[in-house]
Amino acid sequence: MPVPRISKEDLKQRLDSSTPPVIIDARLKYPYEHSTVTLPGAIRYTSGAGSLPRDREVVVYDSDPNELSSSHVAAELIRLGYRAAALQGGITEWLAASLPTETKSAPVMAPPEPGSLKG
């Protein structure tokens, strides 16, 4: 199923409108957990549509420049009756254009146990 794509410029314009789209973060586990940023208002996609509003457009993004994860999720949402699109270039192009983001926490490495680094 072909999935519509939306450019970062169009998404930014829609985010500034009176009815912004729902933003879904569909990054794979490692890129998501080790990142400290999301798109404004993004919610984490786990599986299924859950309680997404049906009266708003849904834009899905990931960290793959070919939108593999986001296009898969958008296709699933379209099959469920949502108006969904994948963000062209994902979060990588969004960040490269210095567009707005929100901060999120990322895992912090625990210090090594005392004596564990002795050879």
N, C-alpha and C. Protein backbone atom coordinates (compact mmCIF):
# COMPACT_ATOMS: atom_id res chain seq x y z
N MET A 1 0.85 -1.18 0.00
CA MET A 1 0.00 0.00 0.00
C MET A 1 0.89 1.24 0.00
N PRO A 2 0.74 2.13 -0.98
CA PRO A 2 1.53 3.36 -0.97
C PRO A 2 1.11 4.25 0.20
N VAL A 3 2.12 4.77 0.87
CA VAL A 3 1.87 5.62 2.03
C VAL A 3 2.19 7.06 1.66
N PRO A 4 1.27 7.99 1.94
CA PRO A 4 1.57 9.40 1.67
C PRO A 4 2.76 9.87 2.51
N ARG A 5 3.52 10.79 1.95
CA ARG A 5 4.65 11.40 2.66
C ARG A 5 4.33 12.87 2.86
N ILE A 6 4.89 13.45 3.93
CA ILE A 6 4.74 14.87 4.20
C ILE A 6 6.13 15.45 4.41
N SER A 7 6.39 16.62 3.85
CA SER A 7 7.70 17.25 4.01
C SER A 7 7.80 17.90 5.38
N LYS A 8 9.01 18.13 5.81
CA LYS A 8 9.22 18.79 7.11
C LYS A 8 8.62 20.19 7.11
N GLU A 9 8.68 20.88 5.97
CA GLU A 9 8.12 22.24 5.89
C GLU A 9 6.59 22.21 6.05
N ASP A 10 5.95 21.25 5.36
CA ASP A 10 4.49 21.12 5.48
C ASP A 10 4.09 20.73 6.90
N LEU A 11 4.86 19.83 7.51
CA LEU A 11 4.53 19.43 8.88
C LEU A 11 4.68 20.60 9.84
N LYS A 12 5.74 21.37 9.69
CA LYS A 12 5.94 22.54 10.57
C LYS A 12 4.76 23.49 10.44
N GLN A 13 4.31 23.73 9.21
CA GLN A 13 3.17 24.62 8.98
C GLN A 13 1.91 24.06 9.64
N ARG A 14 1.70 22.77 9.52
CA ARG A 14 0.50 22.15 10.11
C ARG A 14 0.57 22.14 11.63
N LEU A 15 1.78 22.00 12.18
CA LEU A 15 1.92 22.04 13.64
C LEU A 15 1.55 23.42 14.19
N ASP A 16 1.76 24.44 13.39
CA ASP A 16 1.45 25.81 13.82
C ASP A 16 -0.01 26.18 13.57
N SER A 17 -0.80 25.27 12.99
CA SER A 17 -2.20 25.58 12.67
C SER A 17 -3.11 25.35 13.89
N SER A 18 -4.38 25.68 13.72
CA SER A 18 -5.33 25.52 14.82
C SER A 18 -5.70 24.05 15.07
N THR A 19 -5.48 23.18 14.09
CA THR A 19 -5.73 21.75 14.27
C THR A 19 -4.49 20.95 13.86
N PRO A 20 -3.48 20.94 14.72
CA PRO A 20 -2.24 20.23 14.35
C PRO A 20 -2.46 18.73 14.29
N PRO A 21 -1.65 18.04 13.49
CA PRO A 21 -1.77 16.58 13.42
C PRO A 21 -1.26 15.93 14.71
N VAL A 22 -1.66 14.69 14.90
CA VAL A 22 -1.10 13.87 15.97
C VAL A 22 0.25 13.38 15.45
N ILE A 23 1.30 13.51 16.26
CA ILE A 23 2.64 13.09 15.86
C ILE A 23 2.98 11.79 16.58
N ILE A 24 3.38 10.79 15.80
CA ILE A 24 3.73 9.47 16.34
C ILE A 24 5.22 9.23 16.13
N ASP A 25 5.92 8.89 17.19
CA ASP A 25 7.34 8.54 17.14
C ASP A 25 7.43 7.02 16.98
N ALA A 26 7.84 6.56 15.80
CA ALA A 26 7.91 5.13 15.51
C ALA A 26 9.35 4.65 15.39
N ARG A 27 10.29 5.38 16.02
CA ARG A 27 11.68 4.93 15.95
C ARG A 27 11.84 3.57 16.61
N LEU A 28 12.79 2.80 16.12
CA LEU A 28 13.09 1.51 16.73
C LEU A 28 13.57 1.74 18.16
N LYS A 29 13.57 0.68 18.96
CA LYS A 29 13.86 0.80 20.39
C LYS A 29 15.19 1.52 20.68
N TYR A 30 16.30 1.08 20.09
CA TYR A 30 17.60 1.67 20.41
C TYR A 30 17.67 3.15 20.03
N PRO A 31 17.31 3.53 18.79
CA PRO A 31 17.39 4.96 18.46
C PRO A 31 16.47 5.81 19.35
N TYR A 32 15.30 5.27 19.69
CA TYR A 32 14.39 6.04 20.55
C TYR A 32 14.97 6.20 21.96
N GLU A 33 15.39 5.10 22.54
CA GLU A 33 15.84 5.15 23.93
C GLU A 33 17.12 5.96 24.12
N HIS A 34 17.95 6.03 23.10
CA HIS A 34 19.22 6.73 23.24
C HIS A 34 19.21 8.15 22.68
N SER A 35 18.04 8.62 22.36
CA SER A 35 17.88 9.99 21.87
C SER A 35 17.36 10.86 23.01
N THR A 36 17.67 12.13 22.95
CA THR A 36 17.17 13.06 23.96
C THR A 36 16.15 14.03 23.39
N VAL A 37 15.69 13.79 22.14
CA VAL A 37 14.73 14.70 21.53
C VAL A 37 13.59 13.93 20.85
N THR A 38 12.45 14.61 20.74
CA THR A 38 11.31 14.14 19.97
C THR A 38 10.76 15.34 19.22
N LEU A 39 9.90 15.07 18.27
CA LEU A 39 9.17 16.17 17.63
C LEU A 39 8.15 16.70 18.62
N PRO A 40 7.74 17.95 18.48
CA PRO A 40 6.82 18.56 19.45
C PRO A 40 5.53 17.75 19.61
N GLY A 41 5.22 17.40 20.85
CA GLY A 41 3.98 16.70 21.16
C GLY A 41 3.92 15.25 20.74
N ALA A 42 5.04 14.69 20.30
CA ALA A 42 5.04 13.31 19.79
C ALA A 42 4.69 12.32 20.89
N ILE A 43 3.95 11.29 20.48
CA ILE A 43 3.66 10.19 21.38
C ILE A 43 4.36 8.95 20.85
N ARG A 44 4.79 8.11 21.74
CA ARG A 44 5.53 6.90 21.37
C ARG A 44 4.57 5.85 20.84
N TYR A 45 4.90 5.28 19.70
CA TYR A 45 4.09 4.21 19.12
C TYR A 45 4.53 2.89 19.70
N THR A 46 3.60 2.16 20.25
CA THR A 46 3.93 0.83 20.75
C THR A 46 3.37 -0.21 19.78
N SER A 47 2.08 -0.37 19.72
CA SER A 47 1.44 -1.19 18.69
C SER A 47 -0.06 -0.94 18.76
N GLY A 48 -0.67 -0.87 17.62
CA GLY A 48 -2.09 -0.57 17.56
C GLY A 48 -2.34 0.92 17.73
N ALA A 49 -3.50 1.35 17.35
CA ALA A 49 -3.82 2.77 17.37
C ALA A 49 -4.23 3.27 18.74
N GLY A 50 -4.68 2.37 19.59
CA GLY A 50 -5.06 2.78 20.93
C GLY A 50 -6.13 3.84 20.92
N SER A 51 -5.83 4.97 21.53
CA SER A 51 -6.83 6.04 21.67
C SER A 51 -6.52 7.25 20.78
N LEU A 52 -5.97 7.01 19.61
CA LEU A 52 -5.69 8.13 18.70
C LEU A 52 -7.00 8.75 18.23
N PRO A 53 -7.04 10.08 18.19
CA PRO A 53 -8.27 10.72 17.69
C PRO A 53 -8.45 10.46 16.20
N ARG A 54 -9.66 10.14 15.81
CA ARG A 54 -9.93 9.85 14.40
C ARG A 54 -10.23 11.09 13.58
N ASP A 55 -10.41 12.22 14.26
CA ASP A 55 -10.76 13.45 13.53
C ASP A 55 -9.54 14.29 13.17
N ARG A 56 -8.33 13.80 13.45
CA ARG A 56 -7.11 14.55 13.13
C ARG A 56 -6.18 13.70 12.27
N GLU A 57 -5.42 14.39 11.46
CA GLU A 57 -4.39 13.72 10.67
C GLU A 57 -3.33 13.17 11.60
N VAL A 58 -2.69 12.08 11.21
CA VAL A 58 -1.62 11.48 11.98
C VAL A 58 -0.35 11.50 11.13
N VAL A 59 0.75 12.00 11.69
CA VAL A 59 2.04 11.99 11.00
C VAL A 59 2.99 11.13 11.82
N VAL A 60 3.61 10.17 11.14
CA VAL A 60 4.50 9.21 11.79
C VAL A 60 5.93 9.48 11.34
N TYR A 61 6.87 9.44 12.30
CA TYR A 61 8.28 9.63 11.92
C TYR A 61 9.14 8.57 12.59
N ASP A 62 10.33 8.37 12.03
CA ASP A 62 11.32 7.48 12.60
C ASP A 62 12.70 8.09 12.36
N SER A 63 13.74 7.30 12.57
CA SER A 63 15.11 7.82 12.38
C SER A 63 15.74 7.33 11.08
N ASP A 64 15.00 6.60 10.27
CA ASP A 64 15.50 6.06 9.01
C ASP A 64 15.20 7.05 7.88
N PRO A 65 16.21 7.49 7.13
CA PRO A 65 15.96 8.44 6.04
C PRO A 65 15.03 7.89 4.96
N ASN A 66 14.85 6.56 4.91
CA ASN A 66 13.93 5.96 3.93
C ASN A 66 12.55 5.70 4.52
N GLU A 67 12.33 6.14 5.73
CA GLU A 67 11.03 6.04 6.42
C GLU A 67 10.51 4.61 6.51
N LEU A 68 11.35 3.62 6.73
CA LEU A 68 10.88 2.23 6.75
C LEU A 68 9.90 1.97 7.88
N SER A 69 10.27 2.31 9.11
CA SER A 69 9.37 2.06 10.25
C SER A 69 8.13 2.95 10.17
N SER A 70 8.35 4.22 9.87
CA SER A 70 7.21 5.15 9.87
C SER A 70 6.22 4.82 8.75
N SER A 71 6.70 4.38 7.59
CA SER A 71 5.77 4.05 6.52
C SER A 71 5.00 2.77 6.86
N HIS A 72 5.63 1.84 7.56
CA HIS A 72 4.94 0.63 7.99
C HIS A 72 3.82 0.97 8.98
N VAL A 73 4.13 1.81 9.96
CA VAL A 73 3.13 2.22 10.96
C VAL A 73 2.02 3.03 10.29
N ALA A 74 2.39 3.96 9.41
CA ALA A 74 1.37 4.77 8.72
C ALA A 74 0.45 3.88 7.90
N ALA A 75 1.00 2.86 7.23
CA ALA A 75 0.17 1.94 6.44
C ALA A 75 -0.81 1.19 7.35
N GLU A 76 -0.33 0.77 8.51
CA GLU A 76 -1.20 0.08 9.46
C GLU A 76 -2.34 1.01 9.91
N LEU A 77 -2.01 2.27 10.20
CA LEU A 77 -3.03 3.23 10.63
C LEU A 77 -4.04 3.50 9.51
N ILE A 78 -3.55 3.59 8.27
CA ILE A 78 -4.45 3.81 7.13
C ILE A 78 -5.43 2.64 7.01
N ARG A 79 -4.91 1.42 7.18
CA ARG A 79 -5.78 0.23 7.13
C ARG A 79 -6.85 0.28 8.23
N LEU A 80 -6.53 0.94 9.35
CA LEU A 80 -7.49 1.06 10.46
C LEU A 80 -8.43 2.25 10.29
N GLY A 81 -8.26 2.99 9.19
CA GLY A 81 -9.19 4.09 8.90
C GLY A 81 -8.70 5.48 9.28
N TYR A 82 -7.43 5.61 9.66
CA TYR A 82 -6.88 6.92 10.00
C TYR A 82 -6.33 7.61 8.76
N ARG A 83 -6.27 8.94 8.80
CA ARG A 83 -5.58 9.72 7.76
C ARG A 83 -4.14 9.85 8.24
N ALA A 84 -3.25 9.07 7.68
CA ALA A 84 -1.87 9.02 8.16
C ALA A 84 -0.88 9.26 7.03
N ALA A 85 0.29 9.79 7.40
CA ALA A 85 1.39 10.02 6.46
C ALA A 85 2.70 9.83 7.20
N ALA A 86 3.76 9.54 6.45
CA ALA A 86 5.10 9.41 7.01
C ALA A 86 5.87 10.70 6.74
N LEU A 87 6.69 11.10 7.70
CA LEU A 87 7.52 12.30 7.55
C LEU A 87 8.71 11.97 6.66
N GLN A 88 8.84 12.68 5.54
CA GLN A 88 9.97 12.47 4.62
C GLN A 88 11.29 12.75 5.35
N GLY A 89 12.21 11.78 5.29
CA GLY A 89 13.53 11.97 5.89
C GLY A 89 13.56 11.79 7.40
N GLY A 90 12.40 11.60 8.00
CA GLY A 90 12.34 11.33 9.44
C GLY A 90 12.91 12.44 10.30
N ILE A 91 13.23 12.06 11.53
CA ILE A 91 13.73 13.04 12.50
C ILE A 91 15.09 13.58 12.09
N THR A 92 15.85 12.82 11.30
CA THR A 92 17.17 13.26 10.86
C THR A 92 17.08 14.57 10.06
N GLU A 93 16.17 14.61 9.09
CA GLU A 93 16.02 15.83 8.29
C GLU A 93 15.39 16.96 9.12
N TRP A 94 14.48 16.60 10.02
CA TRP A 94 13.85 17.59 10.90
C TRP A 94 14.93 18.30 11.73
N LEU A 95 15.83 17.51 12.33
CA LEU A 95 16.91 18.09 13.15
C LEU A 95 17.89 18.89 12.29
N ALA A 96 18.20 18.40 11.10
CA ALA A 96 19.14 19.09 10.21
C ALA A 96 18.61 20.47 9.83
N ALA A 97 17.29 20.63 9.79
CA ALA A 97 16.67 21.91 9.44
C ALA A 97 16.48 22.80 10.66
N SER A 98 16.94 22.34 11.83
CA SER A 98 16.82 23.10 13.10
C SER A 98 15.37 23.46 13.41
N LEU A 99 14.47 22.53 13.14
CA LEU A 99 13.06 22.74 13.46
C LEU A 99 12.82 22.40 14.93
N PRO A 100 11.70 22.84 15.51
CA PRO A 100 11.48 22.67 16.95
C PRO A 100 11.44 21.22 17.40
N THR A 101 11.97 20.98 18.59
CA THR A 101 11.94 19.66 19.22
C THR A 101 11.59 19.82 20.69
N GLU A 102 11.31 18.71 21.32
CA GLU A 102 11.13 18.66 22.77
C GLU A 102 12.18 17.73 23.33
N THR A 103 12.55 17.96 24.57
CA THR A 103 13.57 17.15 25.22
C THR A 103 12.92 15.98 25.94
N LYS A 104 13.59 14.84 25.86
CA LYS A 104 13.17 13.67 26.62
C LYS A 104 14.41 13.07 27.27
N SER A 105 14.19 12.26 28.30
CA SER A 105 15.34 11.67 28.96
C SER A 105 15.84 10.46 28.17
N ALA A 106 17.12 10.23 28.29
CA ALA A 106 17.76 9.06 27.68
C ALA A 106 18.44 8.29 28.80
N PRO A 107 18.71 7.02 28.61
CA PRO A 107 19.33 6.24 29.69
C PRO A 107 20.70 6.77 30.05
N VAL A 108 21.01 6.68 31.32
CA VAL A 108 22.31 7.11 31.82
C VAL A 108 23.07 5.86 32.22
N MET A 109 24.31 5.77 31.75
CA MET A 109 25.11 4.59 32.09
C MET A 109 25.47 4.63 33.56
N ALA A 110 25.32 3.51 34.20
CA ALA A 110 25.72 3.41 35.62
C ALA A 110 27.24 3.36 35.69
N PRO A 111 27.80 3.94 36.73
CA PRO A 111 29.26 3.85 36.88
C PRO A 111 29.67 2.40 37.09
N PRO A 112 30.89 2.04 36.69
CA PRO A 112 31.34 0.65 36.87
C PRO A 112 31.45 0.33 38.38
N GLU A 113 31.25 -0.93 38.69
CA GLU A 113 31.40 -1.38 40.06
C GLU A 113 32.87 -1.20 40.49
N PRO A 114 33.09 -0.82 41.74
CA PRO A 114 34.48 -0.67 42.21
C PRO A 114 35.26 -1.97 41.98
N GLY A 115 36.43 -1.82 41.38
CA GLY A 115 37.32 -2.95 41.14
C GLY A 115 37.02 -3.73 39.87
N SER A 116 35.92 -3.40 39.15
CA SER A 116 35.57 -4.19 37.98
C SER A 116 36.44 -3.88 36.77
N LEU A 117 37.18 -2.79 36.80
CA LEU A 117 38.01 -2.43 35.65
C LEU A 117 39.44 -2.90 35.78
N LYS A 118 39.76 -3.65 36.84
CA LYS A 118 41.13 -4.15 37.00
C LYS A 118 41.38 -5.27 36.03
N GLY A 119 42.56 -5.26 35.42
CA GLY A 119 42.88 -6.24 34.39
C GLY A 119 43.50 -7.41 34.91
